[in-house]
Amino acid sequence: MPAETPAPSPAEQAALAHLQRAEAAVMDTPEARVAQPRPLNKVGVVGGGTMGAGIAVALLSAGLPVVMVERDEAALTLGRARIEKVYDGHVAKGRLTPEGKTEVLARWQGAVSYAALADVDLVIEAVFEDMAVKHAVFAELDRDPVLHSAHPRWLQKALKAHWPQHWQAICAANNAHPP
């Protein structure tokens, strides 16, 4: 018999109620009533550090193919190693078979050229917090209609100001990777 889930605390109940109200408010906008979701078949991640690797793991685990772009082969190798380490842990704990790990990693593609992102539906930038680097990344990604995700919200505003021709294709995201 499964263990009973404890009742949520008052703070958790308040948080859940807030989320429900926020979700209802978003769905009550005219734009949401007519919006059509974009297909999401393949995702690009620029940066293979801790955050980029975590984002790639979340996407791969959701069944999506991922193209990771890094500045050079050494950084790309480190990014791949970070991803493999997560799945090695899953195998060691019995959460995933070695064959399952191979299957998941077959959806990963690495590249040192932005040209590899030509057929992705979403690009998530996960490079370090240096505006010059981020501007250089977004200059490389200067195409539409791909959706670009930037973190945090101040960066979204700065990029929209710097990159006005594609302001509608930039969204803010807090790309948290749970433990």
Foldseek 3Di string as FASTA:
>chain_A
DDDDDDDDDPVVVVVVVVVVVVVVVVCPDPCNVPDDDDDFAEEEEEFLPPLSLLLLLVQLVVVHQYEYEYQDPVRQVVSVVNNVVVVVVCCVVVNAPPVRSVVSCVSYHYDHAPVVCVPGQEYEYDDDPDVVVVVVVVVSVPDDDRAYEYDDPVVLVVVCVVNVVHNVRYDYDDRDRDD
